Amino acid sequence: MKLRKIVAFFILLVLVLGSISAYSDKGNDVYVIPVKGEINKATYQFVKTQVEEVSKYRPAAIIFEIDTYGGFIDKAIDIKDVIVNIDIPTISFVNTKAESAGVLITIAGEKIVMAEGSTIGSAETIPNTEKIMSMWVSTLKTVAEQRGKDKELVAAMADKDIEIKGIVKKGELLNLNYKEAKQLGFADYISNDYDDMLNYFNIDYNKVIKIDTDLRTNIAKYLTNPYVGILLISLGFLGFVIEMFTPGFGVGGTLSLISFSLYFGGNIIAGNSGWGVVIIFLAGIALLLIEAAIPGFGVPGIGGIICIIISIVLTSGSIESAVVSLGIAIILTVLVTVLLVRYGQRSPYLDKIVLKTKQNNEKGYVGVESKTEYVGKEGVAISLLRPAGIIDIEGNRIDAVSEGAFIEKGSRVKVIKVEGPRVVVRKI
């Protein structure tokens, strides 16, 4: 019995040690997180999520592989905050370019590695107002000092008024290639290989795991691009206008539905807005439809416009970008609508959108269809005529009125005259 207990103890000990060893094998890897394309909310959400995920596995280091022309500086600041708060070694690897907002993300890493042929710089803000520039340059300098980089070099990348003798002239933005960055001490190393850079910094690791951006993030980054957003809003409004002028639900409604779905869907995926914003927008559309059904322009129309503006402002993240998006979208919508009305009648594909029928006095325009061919013909009353009702002549249902007296359903009748739209019958 005692021997069994000893054997069981050793088996349990082996299992525990084995599990500890297996768990240890999951750590000490290096993860590569890409920061590519436009820097926006989708990029921030991706980086934040991936950092939180890989941190669970006790990585030896994280490499942020950077290739960007820049983007929104507020999201670059958010990404910077994520990187500087990581308590394990971080490397910013400029694979191709780190322009504009990409400069801040690059200097957020503890070490900077630049690939051969890569560049960094040109970090001026758009719009370049004194307030925004002051905040941006101050942020760049603070992070540069925190990471032991030359703050004047970094500031010169954003402010063209800064002159550094022998490096950049006043009136120009500093942009460094990989060799210049290394010579000035801005970059710590030049390499195109993960293993090489990790060995250079004496980082002990098991393997390098490269993370790719998922389809969800790629779609969100594309749909939240400002130019794509303006196009989607314009197509949405244009489709809505076309649908208002055509019977039933057709191409215009479908175009509007797809465009607005992509616009709001992309921003929801990116985290820029939620379903509440969509509800506000739909309420605006509903109010405009109510306004279209009643004469004049009143409270529903004004309320609908306000709801749509609020929804786009909330989705855009700022009043400035919302005003620009709405302004361009409205101008494009008006221009295309005018072109459709003026030239659409020449296209055989726009018959259902543009009314081509003209009133022509020379041709004797008549607003109603004439029924003079029924004069003298006989039929059956299929409803009570008192005096108006419906008759049937040769299988055709026709609105008619009796000559004077009521005519019972089922009675034989004869058309005695036609006066415009009025078909007059007599019982026979």
Protein backbone atom coordinates (compact mmCIF):
# COMPACT_ATOMS: atom_id res chain seq x y z
CA MET A 1 0.00 0.00 0.00
CA LYS A 2 2.86 2.31 0.91
CA LEU A 3 4.63 1.47 -2.36
CA ARG A 4 1.52 2.43 -4.31
CA LYS A 5 1.41 5.83 -2.61
CA ILE A 6 5.07 6.43 -3.47
CA VAL A 7 4.51 5.45 -7.12
CA ALA A 8 1.41 7.64 -7.32
CA PHE A 9 3.36 10.56 -5.82
CA PHE A 10 6.14 10.27 -8.40
CA ILE A 11 3.64 9.99 -11.25
CA LEU A 12 1.87 13.12 -10.02
CA LEU A 13 5.20 14.92 -9.66
CA VAL A 14 6.18 14.02 -13.23
CA LEU A 15 2.83 15.25 -14.54
CA VAL A 16 3.12 18.55 -12.64
CA LEU A 17 6.69 19.14 -13.81
CA GLY A 18 5.71 18.20 -17.34
CA SER A 19 2.85 20.65 -17.33
CA ILE A 20 5.15 23.39 -16.02
CA SER A 21 7.66 22.61 -18.74
CA ALA A 22 4.95 22.57 -21.41
CA TYR A 23 3.63 25.88 -20.14
CA SER A 24 7.12 27.36 -20.20
CA ASP A 25 7.53 26.35 -23.83
CA LYS A 26 4.62 28.61 -24.74
CA GLY A 27 6.59 31.69 -23.62
CA ASN A 28 9.79 33.38 -24.77
CA ASP A 29 8.65 33.80 -28.37
CA VAL A 30 8.95 37.03 -30.35
CA TYR A 31 5.78 38.38 -31.97
CA VAL A 32 5.74 40.66 -35.01
CA ILE A 33 2.73 43.01 -35.12
CA PRO A 34 2.30 44.90 -38.43
CA VAL A 35 1.42 48.61 -38.45
CA LYS A 36 0.68 49.19 -42.11
CA GLY A 37 -1.46 51.47 -44.24
CA GLU A 38 -3.40 54.43 -42.92
CA ILE A 39 -3.25 55.04 -39.17
CA ASN A 40 -6.87 55.17 -38.03
CA LYS A 41 -9.23 53.72 -35.44
CA ALA A 42 -9.10 50.28 -37.06
CA THR A 43 -5.28 50.28 -36.85
CA TYR A 44 -5.40 51.25 -33.19
CA GLN A 45 -7.96 48.57 -32.34
CA PHE A 46 -5.88 45.94 -34.13
CA VAL A 47 -2.61 46.89 -32.38
CA LYS A 48 -4.27 47.15 -28.96
CA THR A 49 -6.01 43.79 -29.33
CA GLN A 50 -2.89 42.01 -30.56
CA VAL A 51 -0.70 43.45 -27.78
CA GLU A 52 -3.21 42.32 -25.16
CA GLU A 53 -3.39 38.86 -26.74
CA VAL A 54 0.35 38.17 -27.16
CA SER A 55 1.12 39.55 -23.70
CA LYS A 56 -0.66 36.51 -22.25
CA TYR A 57 2.09 34.24 -23.60
CA ARG A 58 5.03 35.99 -21.88
CA PRO A 59 6.82 37.00 -25.11
CA ALA A 60 10.56 37.68 -25.20
CA ALA A 61 9.91 40.82 -27.27
CA ILE A 62 7.43 42.46 -29.63
CA ILE A 63 8.46 43.83 -33.02
CA PHE A 64 6.21 46.49 -34.55
CA GLU A 65 6.76 46.32 -38.29
CA ILE A 66 5.94 49.77 -39.66
CA ASP A 67 5.05 50.72 -43.22
CA THR A 68 2.79 53.77 -43.37
CA TYR A 69 2.34 57.19 -44.94
CA GLY A 70 0.59 58.28 -41.73
CA GLY A 71 -3.00 59.04 -40.83
CA PHE A 72 -4.87 60.43 -37.84
CA ILE A 73 -2.52 61.80 -35.19
CA ASP A 74 -4.98 61.13 -32.34
CA LYS A 75 -4.93 57.42 -33.21
CA ALA A 76 -1.14 57.51 -33.52
CA ILE A 77 -1.04 58.90 -29.97
CA ASP A 78 -3.32 56.08 -28.81
CA ILE A 79 -1.04 53.48 -30.41
CA LYS A 80 2.00 55.21 -28.85
CA ASP A 81 0.38 54.87 -25.41
CA VAL A 82 -0.12 51.16 -25.98
CA ILE A 83 3.52 50.61 -27.00
CA VAL A 84 5.21 52.69 -24.26
CA ASN A 85 3.18 50.91 -21.57
CA ILE A 86 4.43 47.44 -22.59
CA ASP A 87 6.78 46.05 -19.90
CA ILE A 88 8.76 43.81 -22.26
CA PRO A 89 11.36 44.75 -24.93
CA THR A 90 9.85 46.46 -27.99
CA ILE A 91 11.44 47.09 -31.39
CA SER A 92 10.11 49.46 -34.04
CA PHE A 93 11.09 47.99 -37.40
CA VAL A 94 10.66 50.47 -40.27
CA ASN A 95 10.29 48.06 -43.14
CA THR A 96 9.64 50.59 -45.92
CA LYS A 97 8.52 53.99 -44.65
CA ALA A 98 7.36 55.72 -41.48
CA GLU A 99 5.91 59.05 -42.54
CA SER A 100 3.77 61.57 -40.67
CA ALA A 101 1.93 59.83 -37.77
CA GLY A 102 4.19 56.82 -38.32
CA VAL A 103 7.10 58.80 -36.81
CA LEU A 104 5.45 58.87 -33.37
CA ILE A 105 4.69 55.15 -33.49
CA THR A 106 8.30 54.43 -34.48
CA ILE A 107 9.93 56.38 -31.63
CA ALA A 108 7.50 54.77 -29.15
CA GLY A 109 9.50 51.53 -29.39
CA GLU A 110 12.55 51.02 -27.16
CA LYS A 111 14.76 50.27 -30.17
CA ILE A 112 14.52 51.42 -33.80
CA VAL A 113 15.62 49.22 -36.69
CA MET A 114 15.42 50.42 -40.28
CA ALA A 115 15.47 48.17 -43.32
CA GLU A 116 17.71 48.98 -46.24
CA GLY A 117 15.95 51.49 -48.50
CA SER A 118 13.55 52.66 -45.77
CA THR A 119 12.80 56.28 -44.82
CA ILE A 120 11.31 58.18 -41.89
CA GLY A 121 10.08 61.76 -41.44
CA SER A 122 7.74 64.36 -42.98
CA ALA A 123 5.48 64.45 -39.94
CA GLU A 124 3.73 67.79 -40.50
CA THR A 125 0.07 67.84 -39.49
CA ILE A 126 -2.86 68.65 -41.76
CA PRO A 127 -4.34 71.16 -41.02
CA ASN A 128 -1.17 72.88 -39.88
CA THR A 129 -2.66 75.23 -37.29
CA GLU A 130 -0.53 76.67 -34.49
CA LYS A 131 -2.54 74.86 -31.81
CA ILE A 132 -2.37 71.43 -33.43
CA MET A 133 1.29 71.82 -34.40
CA SER A 134 2.28 72.87 -30.89
CA MET A 135 0.56 69.86 -29.35
CA TRP A 136 2.00 67.47 -31.95
CA VAL A 137 5.61 68.69 -31.68
CA SER A 138 5.39 68.62 -27.89
CA THR A 139 4.19 65.01 -27.99
CA LEU A 140 6.99 64.00 -30.36
CA LYS A 141 9.65 65.64 -28.18
CA THR A 142 8.31 64.07 -24.99
CA VAL A 143 8.37 60.54 -26.43
CA ALA A 144 11.80 61.14 -28.01
CA GLU A 145 13.23 62.15 -24.63
CA GLN A 146 11.55 59.19 -22.98
CA ARG A 147 13.21 56.80 -25.46
CA GLY A 148 16.59 58.57 -25.50
CA LYS A 149 16.31 59.99 -29.04
CA ASP A 150 17.31 63.44 -30.27
CA LYS A 151 14.17 65.53 -29.71
CA GLU A 152 15.29 68.24 -32.15
CA LEU A 153 15.61 65.72 -34.98
CA VAL A 154 12.11 64.48 -34.29
CA ALA A 155 10.70 68.02 -34.00
CA ALA A 156 12.32 68.99 -37.33
CA MET A 157 10.38 66.17 -38.97
CA ALA A 158 7.14 67.95 -38.05
CA ASP A 159 7.99 71.65 -37.96
CA LYS A 160 9.59 73.17 -41.07
CA ASP A 161 10.56 76.31 -39.10
CA ILE A 162 13.19 74.30 -37.23
CA GLU A 163 16.66 74.45 -38.75
CA ILE A 164 19.49 72.06 -37.84
CA LYS A 165 22.78 73.08 -39.37
CA GLY A 166 24.13 70.54 -41.83
CA ILE A 167 20.99 68.41 -41.58
CA VAL A 168 17.88 70.38 -42.56
CA LYS A 169 17.26 73.93 -43.73
CA LYS A 170 14.51 76.21 -42.46
CA GLY A 171 11.36 75.83 -44.53
CA GLU A 172 11.95 72.11 -45.14
CA LEU A 173 10.71 69.03 -43.30
CA LEU A 174 13.34 66.55 -42.18
CA ASN A 175 13.16 63.16 -43.86
CA LEU A 176 15.91 60.60 -43.23
CA ASN A 177 16.85 57.50 -45.18
CA TYR A 178 18.12 54.44 -43.35
CA LYS A 179 21.81 55.41 -43.65
CA GLU A 180 21.26 58.98 -42.43
CA ALA A 181 19.11 57.76 -39.55
CA LYS A 182 21.88 55.38 -38.43
CA GLN A 183 24.64 57.98 -38.78
CA LEU A 184 22.70 60.51 -36.68
CA GLY A 185 21.99 57.91 -34.01
CA PHE A 186 18.26 58.01 -34.65
CA ALA A 187 18.16 54.36 -35.75
CA ASP A 188 19.88 51.76 -33.56
CA TYR A 189 20.48 49.21 -36.29
CA ILE A 190 20.01 48.48 -40.00
CA SER A 191 18.64 45.09 -40.89
CA ASN A 192 16.06 43.28 -43.02
CA ASP A 193 16.03 40.12 -40.91
CA TYR A 194 14.19 39.45 -37.63
CA ASP A 195 16.75 36.98 -36.31
CA ASP A 196 19.61 39.32 -37.11
CA MET A 197 18.12 42.27 -35.22
CA LEU A 198 17.14 40.12 -32.24
CA ASN A 199 20.66 38.71 -31.98
CA TYR A 200 22.09 42.23 -32.24
CA PHE A 201 20.06 43.32 -29.20
CA ASN A 202 20.94 40.07 -27.34
CA ILE A 203 17.32 38.97 -27.00
CA ASP A 204 17.03 35.29 -26.13
CA TYR A 205 13.99 33.72 -27.77
CA ASN A 206 12.52 30.47 -29.08
CA LYS A 207 10.94 31.49 -32.37
CA VAL A 208 9.53 34.46 -34.26
CA ILE A 209 5.75 34.48 -34.79
CA LYS A 210 4.46 36.93 -37.39
CA ILE A 211 0.90 38.17 -37.03
CA ASP A 212 -1.07 39.21 -40.10
CA THR A 213 -3.88 41.74 -40.19
CA ASP A 214 -7.22 39.97 -40.42
CA LEU A 215 -9.86 40.53 -43.11
CA ARG A 216 -12.06 42.41 -40.64
CA THR A 217 -9.34 44.97 -39.94
CA ASN A 218 -8.46 45.38 -43.62
CA ILE A 219 -12.11 46.00 -44.55
CA ALA A 220 -12.56 48.46 -41.69
CA LYS A 221 -9.39 50.39 -42.63
CA TYR A 222 -10.54 50.65 -46.26
CA LEU A 223 -14.12 51.69 -45.52
CA THR A 224 -13.08 54.28 -42.92
CA ASN A 225 -10.70 55.98 -45.33
CA PRO A 226 -11.91 59.63 -45.59
CA TYR A 227 -12.09 59.55 -49.41
CA VAL A 228 -14.01 56.26 -49.43
CA GLY A 229 -16.33 57.65 -46.75
CA ILE A 230 -17.13 60.73 -48.84
CA LEU A 231 -17.81 58.51 -51.88
CA LEU A 232 -20.13 56.22 -49.89
CA ILE A 233 -22.08 59.14 -48.40
CA SER A 234 -22.43 60.72 -51.86
CA LEU A 235 -23.65 57.47 -53.42
CA GLY A 236 -26.04 56.97 -50.51
CA PHE A 237 -27.63 60.41 -50.95
CA LEU A 238 -27.71 60.09 -54.75
CA GLY A 239 -29.40 56.69 -54.55
CA PHE A 240 -31.93 58.11 -52.09
CA VAL A 241 -32.75 61.00 -54.47
CA ILE A 242 -33.15 58.63 -57.42
CA GLU A 243 -35.42 56.36 -55.38
CA MET A 244 -37.64 59.31 -54.45
CA PHE A 245 -38.27 60.05 -58.14
CA THR A 246 -38.93 56.48 -59.27
CA PRO A 247 -41.89 54.20 -58.51
CA GLY A 248 -41.41 51.15 -56.32
CA PHE A 249 -38.07 50.01 -54.91
CA GLY A 250 -35.30 49.80 -57.50
CA VAL A 251 -31.72 50.66 -58.37
CA GLY A 252 -31.66 53.94 -56.41
CA GLY A 253 -32.87 52.38 -53.18
CA THR A 254 -30.49 49.44 -53.54
CA LEU A 255 -27.53 51.76 -54.18
CA SER A 256 -28.43 53.93 -51.19
CA LEU A 257 -28.90 50.94 -48.89
CA ILE A 258 -25.58 49.33 -49.87
CA SER A 259 -23.62 52.62 -49.62
CA PHE A 260 -24.92 53.63 -46.20
CA SER A 261 -24.58 50.05 -44.92
CA LEU A 262 -20.92 49.98 -45.96
CA TYR A 263 -20.29 53.43 -44.48
CA PHE A 264 -21.82 52.78 -41.07
CA GLY A 265 -20.82 49.09 -41.05
CA GLY A 266 -17.16 49.92 -41.64
CA ASN A 267 -17.19 52.51 -38.85
CA ILE A 268 -18.91 50.11 -36.46
CA ILE A 269 -16.25 47.45 -37.16
CA ALA A 270 -13.49 50.05 -36.67
CA GLY A 271 -15.07 51.17 -33.41
CA ASN A 272 -15.85 54.71 -34.57
CA SER A 273 -19.57 54.35 -33.89
CA GLY A 274 -22.23 52.01 -32.57
CA TRP A 275 -25.75 50.93 -33.44
CA GLY A 276 -27.16 53.99 -31.69
CA VAL A 277 -25.73 56.19 -34.45
CA VAL A 278 -27.34 53.98 -37.08
CA ILE A 279 -30.70 54.32 -35.34
CA ILE A 280 -30.36 58.13 -35.36
CA PHE A 281 -29.55 58.04 -39.09
CA LEU A 282 -32.52 55.75 -39.88
CA ALA A 283 -34.77 58.07 -37.87
CA GLY A 284 -33.56 60.95 -40.07
CA ILE A 285 -34.36 59.02 -43.26
CA ALA A 286 -37.81 58.12 -41.93
CA LEU A 287 -38.55 61.76 -41.14
CA LEU A 288 -37.49 62.81 -44.65
CA LEU A 289 -39.79 60.16 -46.15
CA ILE A 290 -42.65 61.53 -44.05
CA GLU A 291 -41.81 65.03 -45.26
CA ALA A 292 -41.85 63.84 -48.88
CA ALA A 293 -45.36 62.46 -48.43
CA ILE A 294 -46.84 65.74 -47.24
CA PRO A 295 -46.94 69.13 -49.00
CA GLY A 296 -44.54 71.90 -48.04
CA PHE A 297 -41.49 71.64 -45.81
CA GLY A 298 -41.88 71.55 -42.05
CA VAL A 299 -40.82 69.93 -38.79
CA PRO A 300 -40.27 66.35 -40.13
CA GLY A 301 -37.93 67.59 -42.85
CA ILE A 302 -35.90 69.77 -40.50
CA GLY A 303 -35.76 66.98 -37.92
CA GLY A 304 -34.63 64.48 -40.56
CA ILE A 305 -31.78 66.71 -41.73
CA ILE A 306 -30.64 67.31 -38.13
CA CYS A 307 -30.66 63.55 -37.37
CA ILE A 308 -28.59 62.73 -40.46
CA ILE A 309 -26.05 65.47 -39.68
CA ILE A 310 -25.76 64.29 -36.05
CA SER A 311 -25.24 60.66 -37.10
CA ILE A 312 -22.46 61.55 -39.55
CA VAL A 313 -20.78 63.89 -37.02
CA LEU A 314 -20.80 61.13 -34.40
CA THR A 315 -19.39 58.65 -36.91
CA SER A 316 -16.71 61.02 -38.23
CA GLY A 317 -15.36 61.72 -34.77
CA SER A 318 -15.03 65.49 -35.29
CA ILE A 319 -17.18 68.35 -36.55
CA GLU A 320 -14.49 69.43 -39.04
CA SER A 321 -14.27 66.10 -40.86
CA ALA A 322 -18.07 65.72 -40.76
CA VAL A 323 -18.57 69.17 -42.34
CA VAL A 324 -16.05 68.37 -45.07
CA SER A 325 -17.62 64.96 -45.78
CA LEU A 326 -21.18 66.29 -45.83
CA GLY A 327 -20.27 69.36 -47.87
CA ILE A 328 -18.51 67.40 -50.60
CA ALA A 329 -21.20 64.70 -50.59
CA ILE A 330 -24.02 67.24 -50.97
CA ILE A 331 -22.22 69.10 -53.77
CA LEU A 332 -21.56 65.85 -55.66
CA THR A 333 -25.16 64.70 -55.15
CA VAL A 334 -26.59 67.99 -56.47
CA LEU A 335 -24.26 67.99 -59.49
CA VAL A 336 -25.06 64.38 -60.45
CA THR A 337 -28.79 64.97 -59.93
CA VAL A 338 -28.70 68.04 -62.23
CA LEU A 339 -26.78 66.05 -64.86
CA LEU A 340 -29.31 63.22 -64.67
CA VAL A 341 -32.25 65.56 -65.11
CA ARG A 342 -30.62 67.48 -67.95
CA TYR A 343 -28.89 64.72 -69.91
CA GLY A 344 -30.39 61.50 -68.59
CA GLN A 345 -33.18 61.52 -71.18
CA ARG A 346 -30.59 60.84 -73.87
CA SER A 347 -29.63 57.52 -72.33
CA PRO A 348 -31.77 54.41 -72.93
CA TYR A 349 -30.65 53.06 -69.52
CA LEU A 350 -32.23 55.92 -67.56
CA ASP A 351 -35.81 55.66 -68.81
CA LYS A 352 -37.10 54.84 -65.34
CA ILE A 353 -35.25 57.71 -63.72
CA VAL A 354 -35.87 60.61 -66.09
CA LEU A 355 -39.36 61.50 -67.40
CA LYS A 356 -39.12 61.87 -71.19
CA THR A 357 -42.82 62.44 -71.98
CA LYS A 358 -43.48 66.01 -73.20
CA GLN A 359 -46.65 68.05 -73.53
CA ASN A 360 -46.82 69.01 -77.19
CA ASN A 361 -49.52 71.49 -78.21
CA GLU A 362 -48.99 70.80 -81.91
CA LYS A 363 -49.80 67.15 -81.36
CA GLY A 364 -52.88 67.98 -79.33
CA TYR A 365 -51.66 66.78 -75.92
CA VAL A 366 -54.37 65.06 -73.90
CA GLY A 367 -53.83 64.29 -70.24
CA VAL A 368 -56.07 61.17 -70.19
CA GLU A 369 -56.48 58.15 -72.38
CA SER A 370 -59.43 58.42 -74.80
CA LYS A 371 -62.09 55.63 -74.83
CA THR A 372 -64.06 56.76 -77.85
CA GLU A 373 -63.67 53.30 -79.45
CA TYR A 374 -66.29 51.97 -77.00
CA VAL A 375 -69.10 54.23 -78.29
CA GLY A 376 -72.00 52.04 -79.48
CA LYS A 377 -70.63 48.85 -77.88
CA GLU A 378 -72.58 46.75 -75.41
CA GLY A 379 -71.49 45.20 -72.16
CA VAL A 380 -72.55 44.07 -68.67
CA ALA A 381 -72.69 46.06 -65.43
CA ILE A 382 -70.45 44.13 -62.99
CA SER A 383 -71.29 46.52 -60.16
CA LEU A 384 -74.26 48.70 -59.22
CA LEU A 385 -74.16 51.98 -61.18
CA ARG A 386 -75.50 54.74 -58.92
CA PRO A 387 -74.73 56.49 -61.16
CA ALA A 388 -71.02 55.54 -61.25
CA GLY A 389 -69.80 51.97 -61.36
CA ILE A 390 -67.88 49.40 -63.36
CA ILE A 391 -68.91 47.66 -66.58
CA ASP A 392 -67.33 44.90 -68.63
CA ILE A 393 -66.97 45.22 -72.40
CA GLU A 394 -65.26 42.36 -74.24
CA GLY A 395 -63.34 41.39 -71.10
CA ASN A 396 -62.21 44.94 -70.31
CA ARG A 397 -63.18 46.54 -66.97
CA ILE A 398 -64.21 50.17 -67.53
CA ASP A 399 -65.31 52.90 -65.13
CA ALA A 400 -68.66 54.25 -66.33
CA VAL A 401 -71.67 56.34 -65.29
CA SER A 402 -75.33 55.76 -66.10
CA GLU A 403 -77.29 58.18 -68.23
CA GLY A 404 -79.57 59.02 -65.31
CA ALA A 405 -81.25 56.20 -63.42
CA PHE A 406 -79.44 53.56 -61.35
CA ILE A 407 -78.53 50.39 -63.18
CA GLU A 408 -78.53 47.07 -61.32
CA LYS A 409 -75.55 44.72 -61.28
CA GLY A 410 -75.73 42.17 -64.13
CA SER A 411 -77.82 44.40 -66.42
CA ARG A 412 -76.96 44.74 -70.10
CA VAL A 413 -75.73 48.25 -70.99
CA LYS A 414 -74.71 50.20 -74.07
CA VAL A 415 -72.17 53.03 -74.36
CA ILE A 416 -73.99 56.04 -75.75
CA LYS A 417 -71.19 58.63 -75.53
CA VAL A 418 -67.68 59.33 -74.24
CA GLU A 419 -66.82 62.74 -72.80
CA GLY A 420 -63.10 62.89 -71.99
CA PRO A 421 -62.56 60.29 -69.29
CA ARG A 422 -66.32 59.90 -68.80
CA VAL A 423 -67.98 56.80 -70.33
CA VAL A 424 -71.79 57.21 -70.31
CA VAL A 425 -74.00 54.09 -70.60
CA ARG A 426 -77.72 53.29 -70.90
CA LYS A 427 -79.54 50.15 -69.76
CA ILE A 428 -80.86 47.98 -72.66
